[in-house]
């Protein structure tokens, strides 16, 4: 409810601004799989380290139309935190500033629907700096892949635990985990998992 209210207020405030078009309903056929590597811990405190996205069109993952933005380390971000996430200081040394990264993400994603594993967390990590820098949160429609997967498991395999880690869920869906410890690899894997779940759902409907 609160998110819906914020979206209405943001749409009103930014209707005639540079990003007013983001608040228009999307009428195309593409989705964007989103992945964020962050500093961990509570989402309300986590900071993004790498933002990645890849577009889907129909039953294809458009790996040639992808985005990976490494952010310059914020003040106080220590080397141990960076190494913990499979990165090195040199990986982020030439990273882009937060405002540039957010603009790059908005330009790439547009108003397309988002697909992500645990979408709420990804949005929480991104929306805080977005509101701080640009005055609004991502208004895009979204699909939480973790929730879709859990519903599938309850239907097909009720004896298995419904909540599974990302890599285990990919394995059960027969999807290879691309580029482990890579935000872009996670985004591509997410896109492939979404296509697999969509095919399963379509098959179930047709057989029913």
N, C-alpha and C. Protein backbone atom coordinates (compact mmCIF):
# COMPACT_ATOMS: atom_id res chain seq x y z
N UNK A 1 0.83 -1.20 0.00
CA UNK A 1 0.00 0.00 0.00
C UNK A 1 0.86 1.25 0.00
N UNK A 2 1.90 1.25 0.87
CA UNK A 2 2.78 2.42 0.96
C UNK A 2 3.54 2.62 -0.33
N UNK A 3 3.98 1.52 -0.95
CA UNK A 3 4.71 1.63 -2.22
C UNK A 3 3.81 2.20 -3.31
N UNK A 4 2.56 1.76 -3.33
CA UNK A 4 1.61 2.27 -4.33
C UNK A 4 1.38 3.76 -4.14
N UNK A 5 1.24 4.18 -2.89
CA UNK A 5 1.03 5.60 -2.61
C UNK A 5 2.24 6.43 -3.02
N UNK A 6 3.43 5.92 -2.73
CA UNK A 6 4.65 6.63 -3.14
C UNK A 6 4.72 6.76 -4.65
N UNK A 7 4.32 5.71 -5.35
CA UNK A 7 4.37 5.73 -6.81
C UNK A 7 3.42 6.78 -7.37
N UNK A 8 2.24 6.90 -6.78
CA UNK A 8 1.27 7.91 -7.22
C UNK A 8 1.83 9.30 -7.00
N UNK A 9 2.42 9.55 -5.82
CA UNK A 9 3.00 10.86 -5.52
C UNK A 9 4.17 11.15 -6.45
N UNK A 10 5.04 10.17 -6.67
CA UNK A 10 6.19 10.36 -7.56
C UNK A 10 5.73 10.67 -8.98
N UNK A 11 4.70 9.94 -9.45
CA UNK A 11 4.19 10.18 -10.80
C UNK A 11 3.69 11.62 -10.94
N UNK A 12 3.01 12.10 -9.94
CA UNK A 12 2.48 13.46 -9.97
C UNK A 12 3.62 14.49 -9.97
N UNK A 13 4.62 14.26 -9.15
CA UNK A 13 5.71 15.22 -9.03
C UNK A 13 6.59 15.27 -10.27
N UNK A 14 6.76 14.12 -10.92
CA UNK A 14 7.74 14.04 -12.01
C UNK A 14 7.09 13.86 -13.39
N UNK A 15 5.78 14.06 -13.47
CA UNK A 15 5.05 13.83 -14.73
C UNK A 15 5.64 14.62 -15.89
N UNK A 16 6.12 15.83 -15.63
CA UNK A 16 6.62 16.69 -16.71
C UNK A 16 8.14 16.86 -16.65
N UNK A 17 8.80 16.02 -15.86
CA UNK A 17 10.24 16.10 -15.76
C UNK A 17 10.94 15.18 -16.74
N UNK A 18 12.25 15.11 -16.61
CA UNK A 18 13.07 14.30 -17.51
C UNK A 18 12.64 12.84 -17.54
N UNK A 19 12.21 12.32 -16.38
CA UNK A 19 11.88 10.89 -16.28
C UNK A 19 10.38 10.64 -16.15
N UNK A 20 9.57 11.61 -16.54
CA UNK A 20 8.13 11.41 -16.46
C UNK A 20 7.65 10.21 -17.24
N UNK A 21 8.30 9.89 -18.35
CA UNK A 21 7.87 8.77 -19.19
C UNK A 21 8.03 7.42 -18.50
N UNK A 22 8.89 7.35 -17.47
CA UNK A 22 9.06 6.10 -16.74
C UNK A 22 7.78 5.66 -16.05
N UNK A 23 6.91 6.63 -15.75
CA UNK A 23 5.69 6.33 -15.02
C UNK A 23 4.52 5.95 -15.94
N UNK A 24 4.76 5.93 -17.25
CA UNK A 24 3.73 5.51 -18.20
C UNK A 24 3.67 3.99 -18.26
N UNK A 25 2.52 3.39 -18.49
CA UNK A 25 2.43 1.93 -18.62
C UNK A 25 3.28 1.45 -19.80
N UNK A 26 3.95 0.32 -19.62
CA UNK A 26 4.78 -0.24 -20.68
C UNK A 26 3.90 -1.02 -21.66
N UNK A 27 4.09 -0.81 -22.94
CA UNK A 27 3.27 -1.45 -23.96
C UNK A 27 4.07 -2.38 -24.87
N UNK A 28 5.36 -2.57 -24.57
CA UNK A 28 6.18 -3.43 -25.40
C UNK A 28 6.14 -4.88 -24.96
N UNK A 29 7.12 -5.65 -25.43
CA UNK A 29 7.15 -7.09 -25.17
C UNK A 29 8.41 -7.53 -24.42
N UNK A 30 9.19 -6.60 -23.92
CA UNK A 30 10.44 -6.95 -23.26
C UNK A 30 10.31 -6.89 -21.74
N UNK A 31 11.16 -7.67 -21.08
CA UNK A 31 11.36 -7.62 -19.64
C UNK A 31 12.83 -7.34 -19.40
N UNK A 32 13.17 -6.98 -18.18
CA UNK A 32 14.57 -6.79 -17.81
C UNK A 32 14.85 -7.58 -16.55
N UNK A 33 15.81 -8.51 -16.63
CA UNK A 33 16.26 -9.24 -15.45
C UNK A 33 17.31 -8.38 -14.75
N UNK A 34 17.13 -8.20 -13.45
CA UNK A 34 17.95 -7.28 -12.66
C UNK A 34 18.67 -8.04 -11.55
N UNK A 35 19.93 -7.70 -11.32
CA UNK A 35 20.69 -8.27 -10.21
C UNK A 35 21.58 -7.19 -9.61
N UNK A 36 21.67 -7.18 -8.29
CA UNK A 36 22.49 -6.19 -7.59
C UNK A 36 23.40 -6.92 -6.61
N UNK A 37 24.69 -6.70 -6.71
CA UNK A 37 25.62 -7.12 -5.66
C UNK A 37 25.73 -5.97 -4.68
N UNK A 38 25.46 -6.26 -3.41
CA UNK A 38 25.51 -5.19 -2.42
C UNK A 38 26.37 -5.59 -1.24
N UNK A 39 26.48 -4.72 -0.27
CA UNK A 39 27.37 -4.95 0.87
C UNK A 39 26.80 -5.92 1.89
N UNK A 40 25.57 -6.38 1.70
CA UNK A 40 25.00 -7.39 2.57
C UNK A 40 24.34 -6.79 3.80
N UNK A 41 23.83 -7.68 4.65
CA UNK A 41 23.13 -7.22 5.84
C UNK A 41 21.72 -6.77 5.52
N UNK A 42 21.17 -5.93 6.38
CA UNK A 42 19.82 -5.43 6.18
C UNK A 42 19.73 -4.61 4.90
N UNK A 43 18.66 -4.84 4.14
CA UNK A 43 18.51 -4.13 2.87
C UNK A 43 18.48 -2.62 3.05
N UNK A 44 17.89 -2.16 4.16
CA UNK A 44 17.77 -0.71 4.37
C UNK A 44 19.12 -0.05 4.63
N UNK A 45 20.16 -0.87 4.90
CA UNK A 45 21.49 -0.32 5.16
C UNK A 45 22.50 -0.69 4.08
N UNK A 46 22.16 -1.66 3.25
CA UNK A 46 23.12 -2.15 2.24
C UNK A 46 23.35 -1.12 1.15
N UNK A 47 24.55 -1.13 0.63
CA UNK A 47 24.93 -0.25 -0.47
C UNK A 47 25.24 -1.09 -1.71
N UNK A 48 24.80 -0.65 -2.90
CA UNK A 48 25.11 -1.41 -4.12
C UNK A 48 26.59 -1.33 -4.48
N UNK A 49 27.14 -2.46 -4.90
CA UNK A 49 28.52 -2.53 -5.39
C UNK A 49 28.53 -2.66 -6.92
N UNK A 50 27.68 -3.54 -7.43
CA UNK A 50 27.58 -3.77 -8.87
C UNK A 50 26.09 -3.90 -9.22
N UNK A 51 25.67 -3.23 -10.28
CA UNK A 51 24.30 -3.32 -10.78
C UNK A 51 24.36 -3.92 -12.18
N UNK A 52 23.57 -4.97 -12.41
CA UNK A 52 23.57 -5.62 -13.72
C UNK A 52 22.15 -5.86 -14.18
N UNK A 53 21.96 -5.87 -15.49
CA UNK A 53 20.64 -6.09 -16.07
C UNK A 53 20.80 -6.66 -17.48
N UNK A 54 19.82 -7.46 -17.88
CA UNK A 54 19.81 -8.01 -19.24
C UNK A 54 18.36 -8.06 -19.70
N UNK A 55 18.14 -7.79 -20.98
CA UNK A 55 16.78 -7.76 -21.51
C UNK A 55 16.34 -9.14 -22.01
N UNK A 56 15.03 -9.38 -21.89
CA UNK A 56 14.40 -10.58 -22.44
C UNK A 56 13.35 -10.14 -23.44
N UNK A 57 13.28 -10.88 -24.54
CA UNK A 57 12.25 -10.62 -25.54
C UNK A 57 11.68 -11.96 -25.98
N UNK A 58 10.40 -12.17 -25.69
CA UNK A 58 9.80 -13.46 -26.00
C UNK A 58 10.49 -14.55 -25.20
N UNK A 59 11.00 -15.58 -25.91
CA UNK A 59 11.69 -16.68 -25.23
C UNK A 59 13.20 -16.57 -25.37
N UNK A 60 13.70 -15.35 -25.58
CA UNK A 60 15.14 -15.15 -25.77
C UNK A 60 15.71 -14.22 -24.70
N UNK A 61 16.90 -14.56 -24.24
CA UNK A 61 17.66 -13.68 -23.37
C UNK A 61 18.65 -12.93 -24.26
N UNK A 62 18.53 -11.62 -24.28
CA UNK A 62 19.33 -10.80 -25.19
C UNK A 62 20.65 -10.41 -24.51
N UNK A 63 21.59 -11.37 -24.47
CA UNK A 63 22.85 -11.11 -23.77
C UNK A 63 23.65 -9.99 -24.42
N UNK A 64 23.37 -9.72 -25.69
CA UNK A 64 24.05 -8.61 -26.35
C UNK A 64 23.49 -7.26 -25.90
N UNK A 65 22.33 -7.30 -25.23
CA UNK A 65 21.73 -6.08 -24.71
C UNK A 65 21.71 -6.17 -23.19
N UNK A 66 22.90 -6.00 -22.62
CA UNK A 66 23.04 -6.13 -21.17
C UNK A 66 23.78 -4.93 -20.61
N UNK A 67 23.76 -4.84 -19.30
CA UNK A 67 24.36 -3.71 -18.60
C UNK A 67 25.04 -4.22 -17.35
N UNK A 68 26.25 -3.77 -17.08
CA UNK A 68 26.91 -4.07 -15.81
C UNK A 68 27.66 -2.82 -15.36
N UNK A 69 27.25 -2.28 -14.24
CA UNK A 69 27.82 -1.04 -13.71
C UNK A 69 28.49 -1.31 -12.38
N UNK A 70 29.78 -1.11 -12.32
CA UNK A 70 30.53 -1.24 -11.07
C UNK A 70 30.64 0.15 -10.46
N UNK A 71 30.24 0.26 -9.23
CA UNK A 71 30.22 1.57 -8.59
C UNK A 71 31.54 1.86 -7.88
N UNK A 72 31.93 3.10 -7.90
CA UNK A 72 33.10 3.52 -7.14
C UNK A 72 32.82 3.30 -5.66
N UNK A 73 33.78 2.77 -4.90
CA UNK A 73 33.54 2.51 -3.47
C UNK A 73 33.15 3.78 -2.73
N UNK A 74 32.15 3.65 -1.88
CA UNK A 74 31.75 4.80 -1.06
C UNK A 74 32.71 4.94 0.11
N UNK A 75 32.70 6.08 0.70
CA UNK A 75 33.57 6.34 1.84
C UNK A 75 33.26 5.34 2.95
N UNK A 76 34.31 4.75 3.52
CA UNK A 76 34.12 3.83 4.63
C UNK A 76 33.93 2.39 4.22
N UNK A 77 33.88 2.11 2.91
CA UNK A 77 33.73 0.73 2.45
C UNK A 77 35.10 0.07 2.48
N UNK A 78 35.28 -0.92 3.36
CA UNK A 78 36.60 -1.50 3.56
C UNK A 78 36.89 -2.62 2.58
N UNK A 79 38.16 -2.97 2.47
CA UNK A 79 38.61 -3.98 1.51
C UNK A 79 38.03 -5.35 1.82
N UNK A 80 37.84 -5.69 3.11
CA UNK A 80 37.29 -6.99 3.46
C UNK A 80 35.87 -7.16 2.92
N UNK A 81 35.07 -6.10 2.99
CA UNK A 81 33.70 -6.16 2.46
C UNK A 81 33.73 -6.40 0.96
N UNK A 82 34.62 -5.71 0.26
CA UNK A 82 34.74 -5.88 -1.19
C UNK A 82 35.15 -7.31 -1.53
N UNK A 83 36.16 -7.85 -0.83
CA UNK A 83 36.63 -9.20 -1.10
C UNK A 83 35.56 -10.24 -0.79
N UNK A 84 34.77 -9.98 0.24
CA UNK A 84 33.71 -10.92 0.64
C UNK A 84 32.74 -11.17 -0.51
N UNK A 85 32.58 -10.22 -1.38
CA UNK A 85 31.63 -10.34 -2.49
C UNK A 85 32.32 -10.73 -3.80
N UNK A 86 33.50 -11.33 -3.68
CA UNK A 86 34.19 -11.82 -4.86
C UNK A 86 34.78 -10.75 -5.73
N UNK A 87 34.97 -9.55 -5.19
CA UNK A 87 35.53 -8.44 -5.94
C UNK A 87 36.88 -8.06 -5.36
N UNK A 88 37.60 -7.28 -6.11
CA UNK A 88 38.85 -6.72 -5.62
C UNK A 88 38.75 -5.20 -5.69
N UNK A 89 39.58 -4.55 -4.92
CA UNK A 89 39.57 -3.09 -4.96
C UNK A 89 39.77 -2.57 -6.37
N UNK A 90 40.62 -3.27 -7.14
CA UNK A 90 40.89 -2.82 -8.51
C UNK A 90 39.65 -2.95 -9.38
N UNK A 91 38.75 -3.91 -9.02
CA UNK A 91 37.52 -4.07 -9.80
C UNK A 91 36.65 -2.83 -9.74
N UNK A 92 36.70 -2.13 -8.61
CA UNK A 92 35.85 -0.97 -8.41
C UNK A 92 36.60 0.35 -8.53
N UNK A 93 37.93 0.26 -8.73
CA UNK A 93 38.75 1.48 -8.76
C UNK A 93 38.28 2.45 -9.83
N UNK A 94 37.85 1.94 -10.96
CA UNK A 94 37.37 2.78 -12.06
C UNK A 94 35.85 2.78 -12.13
N UNK A 95 35.22 2.46 -11.01
CA UNK A 95 33.77 2.42 -10.98
C UNK A 95 33.15 3.78 -11.18
N UNK A 96 31.88 3.77 -11.57
CA UNK A 96 31.18 5.03 -11.82
C UNK A 96 30.57 5.55 -10.52
N UNK A 97 30.33 6.84 -10.50
CA UNK A 97 29.68 7.45 -9.35
C UNK A 97 28.23 7.00 -9.27
N UNK A 98 27.65 7.08 -8.08
CA UNK A 98 26.29 6.60 -7.87
C UNK A 98 25.29 7.27 -8.81
N UNK A 99 25.36 8.59 -8.94
CA UNK A 99 24.38 9.27 -9.79
C UNK A 99 24.49 8.83 -11.24
N UNK A 100 25.72 8.62 -11.72
CA UNK A 100 25.90 8.14 -13.09
C UNK A 100 25.35 6.72 -13.26
N UNK A 101 25.59 5.88 -12.25
CA UNK A 101 25.10 4.50 -12.31
C UNK A 101 23.57 4.46 -12.36
N UNK A 102 22.93 5.27 -11.55
CA UNK A 102 21.47 5.27 -11.50
C UNK A 102 20.88 5.77 -12.82
N UNK A 103 21.47 6.80 -13.39
CA UNK A 103 21.00 7.31 -14.67
C UNK A 103 21.19 6.26 -15.76
N UNK A 104 22.36 5.59 -15.73
CA UNK A 104 22.60 4.53 -16.70
C UNK A 104 21.60 3.40 -16.58
N UNK A 105 21.24 3.05 -15.34
CA UNK A 105 20.25 2.00 -15.13
C UNK A 105 18.89 2.41 -15.65
N UNK A 106 18.46 3.62 -15.34
CA UNK A 106 17.15 4.09 -15.80
C UNK A 106 17.09 4.14 -17.32
N UNK A 107 18.14 4.62 -17.95
CA UNK A 107 18.16 4.70 -19.41
C UNK A 107 18.08 3.31 -20.04
N UNK A 108 18.71 2.31 -19.39
CA UNK A 108 18.73 0.95 -19.94
C UNK A 108 17.39 0.25 -19.70
N UNK A 109 16.86 0.37 -18.49
CA UNK A 109 15.65 -0.35 -18.12
C UNK A 109 14.41 0.31 -18.70
N UNK A 110 14.36 1.64 -18.66
CA UNK A 110 13.16 2.35 -19.08
C UNK A 110 11.98 1.99 -18.19
N UNK A 111 10.82 1.83 -18.80
CA UNK A 111 9.64 1.46 -18.02
C UNK A 111 9.25 -0.01 -18.20
N UNK A 112 10.23 -0.82 -18.64
CA UNK A 112 9.99 -2.25 -18.81
C UNK A 112 9.78 -2.92 -17.44
N UNK A 113 8.98 -3.98 -17.38
CA UNK A 113 8.84 -4.73 -16.13
C UNK A 113 10.17 -5.38 -15.74
N UNK A 114 10.38 -5.50 -14.44
CA UNK A 114 11.61 -6.07 -13.90
C UNK A 114 11.38 -7.49 -13.41
N UNK A 115 12.40 -8.34 -13.59
CA UNK A 115 12.39 -9.70 -13.05
C UNK A 115 13.63 -9.84 -12.19
N UNK A 116 13.46 -10.32 -10.96
CA UNK A 116 14.61 -10.49 -10.10
C UNK A 116 14.33 -11.54 -9.05
N UNK A 117 15.38 -12.16 -8.54
CA UNK A 117 15.28 -13.07 -7.41
C UNK A 117 15.27 -12.22 -6.15
N UNK A 118 14.22 -12.34 -5.36
CA UNK A 118 14.01 -11.49 -4.18
C UNK A 118 13.98 -10.02 -4.59
N UNK A 119 13.03 -9.71 -5.42
CA UNK A 119 12.92 -8.38 -6.01
C UNK A 119 12.83 -7.29 -4.94
N UNK A 120 12.13 -7.56 -3.86
CA UNK A 120 11.97 -6.54 -2.83
C UNK A 120 13.31 -6.06 -2.29
N UNK A 121 14.25 -6.97 -2.12
CA UNK A 121 15.56 -6.57 -1.62
C UNK A 121 16.30 -5.72 -2.64
N UNK A 122 16.29 -6.16 -3.90
CA UNK A 122 16.99 -5.40 -4.94
C UNK A 122 16.44 -3.98 -5.03
N UNK A 123 15.11 -3.86 -4.96
CA UNK A 123 14.50 -2.55 -5.03
C UNK A 123 14.85 -1.71 -3.81
N UNK A 124 14.86 -2.33 -2.63
CA UNK A 124 15.19 -1.59 -1.42
C UNK A 124 16.61 -1.02 -1.49
N UNK A 125 17.54 -1.81 -2.02
CA UNK A 125 18.93 -1.35 -2.13
C UNK A 125 19.06 -0.22 -3.14
N UNK A 126 18.28 -0.28 -4.23
CA UNK A 126 18.38 0.74 -5.28
C UNK A 126 17.52 1.97 -5.00
N UNK A 127 16.37 1.76 -4.40
CA UNK A 127 15.44 2.88 -4.25
C UNK A 127 15.92 3.94 -3.27
N UNK A 128 16.69 3.54 -2.28
CA UNK A 128 17.18 4.53 -1.32
C UNK A 128 18.08 5.57 -2.00
N UNK A 129 19.13 5.16 -2.73
CA UNK A 129 19.93 6.16 -3.43
C UNK A 129 19.16 6.85 -4.57
N UNK A 130 18.22 6.13 -5.20
CA UNK A 130 17.43 6.77 -6.26
C UNK A 130 16.61 7.94 -5.71
N UNK A 131 15.95 7.71 -4.59
CA UNK A 131 15.16 8.81 -4.00
C UNK A 131 16.07 9.94 -3.56
N UNK A 132 17.22 9.59 -3.03
CA UNK A 132 18.16 10.61 -2.58
C UNK A 132 18.70 11.43 -3.75
N UNK A 133 19.01 10.77 -4.86
CA UNK A 133 19.64 11.44 -5.99
C UNK A 133 18.63 12.09 -6.93
N UNK A 134 17.52 11.39 -7.21
CA UNK A 134 16.59 11.84 -8.25
C UNK A 134 15.19 12.15 -7.73
N UNK A 135 14.91 11.80 -6.48
CA UNK A 135 13.63 12.17 -5.90
C UNK A 135 12.49 11.21 -6.14
N UNK A 136 12.76 10.00 -6.65
CA UNK A 136 11.70 9.01 -6.84
C UNK A 136 12.29 7.61 -6.78
N UNK A 137 11.39 6.62 -6.69
CA UNK A 137 11.79 5.22 -6.68
C UNK A 137 11.42 4.58 -8.01
N UNK A 138 11.99 3.42 -8.28
CA UNK A 138 11.67 2.72 -9.53
C UNK A 138 10.18 2.41 -9.58
N UNK A 139 9.47 2.92 -10.59
CA UNK A 139 8.02 2.70 -10.67
C UNK A 139 7.63 1.44 -11.45
N UNK A 140 8.62 0.70 -11.94
CA UNK A 140 8.35 -0.41 -12.85
C UNK A 140 7.53 -1.52 -12.20
N UNK A 141 6.69 -2.15 -13.01
CA UNK A 141 6.06 -3.40 -12.59
C UNK A 141 7.16 -4.43 -12.35
N UNK A 142 6.90 -5.41 -11.50
CA UNK A 142 7.95 -6.36 -11.17
C UNK A 142 7.45 -7.77 -10.98
N UNK A 143 8.36 -8.72 -11.20
CA UNK A 143 8.10 -10.14 -11.00
C UNK A 143 9.17 -10.65 -10.05
N UNK A 144 8.76 -11.17 -8.90
CA UNK A 144 9.70 -11.76 -7.94
C UNK A 144 9.85 -13.24 -8.26
N UNK A 145 11.00 -13.60 -8.79
CA UNK A 145 11.22 -14.97 -9.24
C UNK A 145 11.21 -15.95 -8.07
N UNK A 146 11.68 -15.52 -6.91
CA UNK A 146 11.68 -16.40 -5.74
C UNK A 146 10.26 -16.81 -5.37
N UNK A 147 9.33 -15.88 -5.44
CA UNK A 147 7.93 -16.20 -5.14
C UNK A 147 7.33 -17.13 -6.18
N UNK A 148 7.64 -16.89 -7.47
CA UNK A 148 7.15 -17.79 -8.52
C UNK A 148 7.69 -19.20 -8.31
N UNK A 149 8.96 -19.29 -7.98
CA UNK A 149 9.59 -20.60 -7.77
C UNK A 149 8.95 -21.32 -6.58
N UNK A 150 8.71 -20.59 -5.50
CA UNK A 150 8.10 -21.20 -4.32
C UNK A 150 6.70 -21.75 -4.63
N UNK A 151 5.93 -20.99 -5.41
CA UNK A 151 4.60 -21.47 -5.80
C UNK A 151 4.71 -22.75 -6.64
N UNK A 152 5.69 -22.78 -7.53
CA UNK A 152 5.90 -23.97 -8.36
C UNK A 152 6.25 -25.16 -7.48
N UNK A 153 7.13 -24.97 -6.50
CA UNK A 153 7.54 -26.07 -5.65
C UNK A 153 6.38 -26.61 -4.83
N UNK A 154 5.55 -25.72 -4.31
CA UNK A 154 4.40 -26.16 -3.52
C UNK A 154 3.45 -27.00 -4.38
N UNK A 155 3.37 -26.66 -5.66
CA UNK A 155 2.46 -27.38 -6.56
C UNK A 155 3.04 -28.72 -7.01
N UNK A 156 4.30 -28.72 -7.42
CA UNK A 156 4.90 -29.92 -8.01
C UNK A 156 5.63 -30.79 -7.00
N UNK A 157 6.26 -30.19 -6.01
CA UNK A 157 7.10 -30.95 -5.07
C UNK A 157 6.84 -30.47 -3.64
N UNK A 158 5.65 -30.71 -3.11
CA UNK A 158 5.33 -30.19 -1.78
C UNK A 158 6.20 -30.77 -0.68
N UNK A 159 6.91 -31.90 -0.94
CA UNK A 159 7.74 -32.50 0.08
C UNK A 159 9.07 -31.76 0.25
N UNK A 160 9.45 -30.95 -0.74
CA UNK A 160 10.70 -30.19 -0.67
C UNK A 160 10.48 -28.89 0.06
N UNK A 161 11.57 -28.36 0.63
CA UNK A 161 11.44 -27.07 1.31
C UNK A 161 11.09 -26.00 0.27
N UNK A 162 10.10 -25.14 0.53
CA UNK A 162 9.67 -24.16 -0.46
C UNK A 162 10.68 -23.05 -0.68
N UNK A 163 11.46 -22.73 0.35
CA UNK A 163 12.42 -21.64 0.24
C UNK A 163 13.80 -22.24 -0.03
N UNK A 164 14.34 -21.98 -1.20
CA UNK A 164 15.63 -22.54 -1.58
C UNK A 164 16.57 -21.42 -1.97
N UNK A 165 17.88 -21.60 -1.75
CA UNK A 165 18.84 -20.61 -2.24
C UNK A 165 18.78 -20.51 -3.76
N UNK A 166 19.25 -19.38 -4.25
CA UNK A 166 19.21 -19.09 -5.69
C UNK A 166 19.84 -20.20 -6.51
N UNK A 167 21.06 -20.61 -6.14
CA UNK A 167 21.78 -21.60 -6.95
C UNK A 167 21.06 -22.94 -6.93
N UNK A 168 20.49 -23.34 -5.79
CA UNK A 168 19.77 -24.61 -5.72
C UNK A 168 18.50 -24.56 -6.56
N UNK A 169 17.82 -23.43 -6.53
CA UNK A 169 16.62 -23.28 -7.35
C UNK A 169 16.97 -23.40 -8.83
N UNK A 170 18.07 -22.76 -9.24
CA UNK A 170 18.50 -22.86 -10.64
C UNK A 170 18.78 -24.30 -11.02
N UNK A 171 19.47 -25.02 -10.12
CA UNK A 171 19.80 -26.42 -10.39
C UNK A 171 18.53 -27.25 -10.56
N UNK A 172 17.55 -27.05 -9.70
CA UNK A 172 16.31 -27.84 -9.79
C UNK A 172 15.54 -27.51 -11.05
N UNK A 173 15.72 -26.31 -11.56
CA UNK A 173 15.05 -25.92 -12.81
C UNK A 173 15.84 -26.33 -14.04
N UNK A 174 17.02 -26.91 -13.82
CA UNK A 174 17.86 -27.31 -14.95
C UNK A 174 18.51 -26.15 -15.66
N UNK A 175 18.76 -25.07 -14.90
CA UNK A 175 19.37 -23.86 -15.48
C UNK A 175 20.80 -23.72 -14.95
N UNK A 176 21.78 -23.56 -15.82
CA UNK A 176 23.15 -23.37 -15.34
C UNK A 176 23.32 -22.01 -14.67
N UNK A 177 24.08 -21.99 -13.59
CA UNK A 177 24.38 -20.72 -12.93
C UNK A 177 25.54 -20.07 -13.68
N UNK A 178 25.25 -18.97 -14.31
CA UNK A 178 26.25 -18.29 -15.15
C UNK A 178 27.10 -17.36 -14.29
N UNK A 179 28.41 -17.40 -14.51
CA UNK A 179 29.31 -16.45 -13.88
C UNK A 179 29.10 -16.29 -12.39
N UNK A 180 29.37 -17.34 -11.63
CA UNK A 180 29.17 -17.26 -10.18
C UNK A 180 29.89 -16.05 -9.59
N UNK A 181 29.29 -15.43 -8.61
CA UNK A 181 29.83 -14.22 -7.96
C UNK A 181 29.91 -13.04 -8.93
N UNK A 182 29.13 -13.11 -10.01
CA UNK A 182 29.07 -12.02 -10.98
C UNK A 182 27.64 -11.52 -11.05
N UNK A 183 27.46 -10.21 -10.91
CA UNK A 183 26.10 -9.64 -10.98
C UNK A 183 25.48 -9.90 -12.34
N UNK A 184 26.27 -9.74 -13.41
CA UNK A 184 25.73 -9.98 -14.74
C UNK A 184 25.38 -11.45 -14.93
N UNK A 185 26.23 -12.34 -14.42
CA UNK A 185 25.92 -13.76 -14.49
C UNK A 185 24.63 -14.09 -13.76
N UNK A 186 24.42 -13.46 -12.61
CA UNK A 186 23.18 -13.66 -11.86
C UNK A 186 21.99 -13.16 -12.64
N UNK A 187 22.14 -12.01 -13.30
CA UNK A 187 21.04 -11.46 -14.10
C UNK A 187 20.68 -12.40 -15.25
N UNK A 188 21.68 -12.94 -15.92
CA UNK A 188 21.43 -13.87 -17.03
C UNK A 188 20.79 -15.16 -16.52
N UNK A 189 21.29 -15.68 -15.39
CA UNK A 189 20.70 -16.88 -14.79
C UNK A 189 19.25 -16.62 -14.41
N UNK A 190 18.98 -15.47 -13.83
CA UNK A 190 17.62 -15.08 -13.47
C UNK A 190 16.71 -15.07 -14.69
N UNK A 191 17.21 -14.52 -15.79
CA UNK A 191 16.43 -14.47 -17.02
C UNK A 191 16.10 -15.88 -17.52
N UNK A 192 17.09 -16.77 -17.48
CA UNK A 192 16.88 -18.15 -17.93
C UNK A 192 15.89 -18.88 -17.03
N UNK A 193 15.97 -18.64 -15.72
CA UNK A 193 15.04 -19.25 -14.77
C UNK A 193 13.61 -18.75 -15.03
N UNK A 194 13.49 -17.48 -15.34
CA UNK A 194 12.16 -16.93 -15.62
C UNK A 194 11.56 -17.61 -16.86
N UNK A 195 12.38 -17.78 -17.91
CA UNK A 195 11.88 -18.43 -19.12
C UNK A 195 11.45 -19.87 -18.82
N UNK A 196 12.23 -20.57 -17.99
CA UNK A 196 11.89 -21.95 -17.65
C UNK A 196 10.58 -22.01 -16.87
N UNK A 197 10.41 -21.12 -15.90
CA UNK A 197 9.17 -21.09 -15.12
C UNK A 197 7.98 -20.72 -16.00
N UNK A 198 8.18 -19.81 -16.94
CA UNK A 198 7.10 -19.43 -17.86
C UNK A 198 6.70 -20.60 -18.74
N UNK A 199 7.70 -21.37 -19.22
CA UNK A 199 7.39 -22.54 -20.04
C UNK A 199 6.64 -23.59 -19.23
N UNK A 200 7.07 -23.80 -17.99
CA UNK A 200 6.39 -24.76 -17.12
C UNK A 200 4.93 -24.36 -16.90
N UNK A 201 4.72 -23.07 -16.63
CA UNK A 201 3.36 -22.59 -16.40
C UNK A 201 2.49 -22.77 -17.63
N UNK A 202 3.06 -22.46 -18.81
CA UNK A 202 2.31 -22.61 -20.05
C UNK A 202 1.96 -24.08 -20.31
N UNK A 203 2.93 -24.97 -20.01
CA UNK A 203 2.70 -26.39 -20.21
C UNK A 203 1.60 -26.91 -19.29
N UNK A 204 1.60 -26.41 -18.05
CA UNK A 204 0.58 -26.84 -17.08
C UNK A 204 -0.80 -26.39 -17.54
N UNK A 205 -0.89 -25.15 -18.04
CA UNK A 205 -2.18 -24.65 -18.51
C UNK A 205 -2.71 -25.47 -19.68
N UNK A 206 -1.81 -25.80 -20.62
CA UNK A 206 -2.23 -26.54 -21.81
C UNK A 206 -2.64 -27.96 -21.46
N UNK A 207 -1.92 -28.57 -20.51
CA UNK A 207 -2.25 -29.95 -20.15
C UNK A 207 -3.52 -30.02 -19.32
N UNK A 208 -3.86 -28.87 -18.66
CA UNK A 208 -5.07 -28.85 -17.86
C UNK A 208 -6.28 -28.64 -18.72
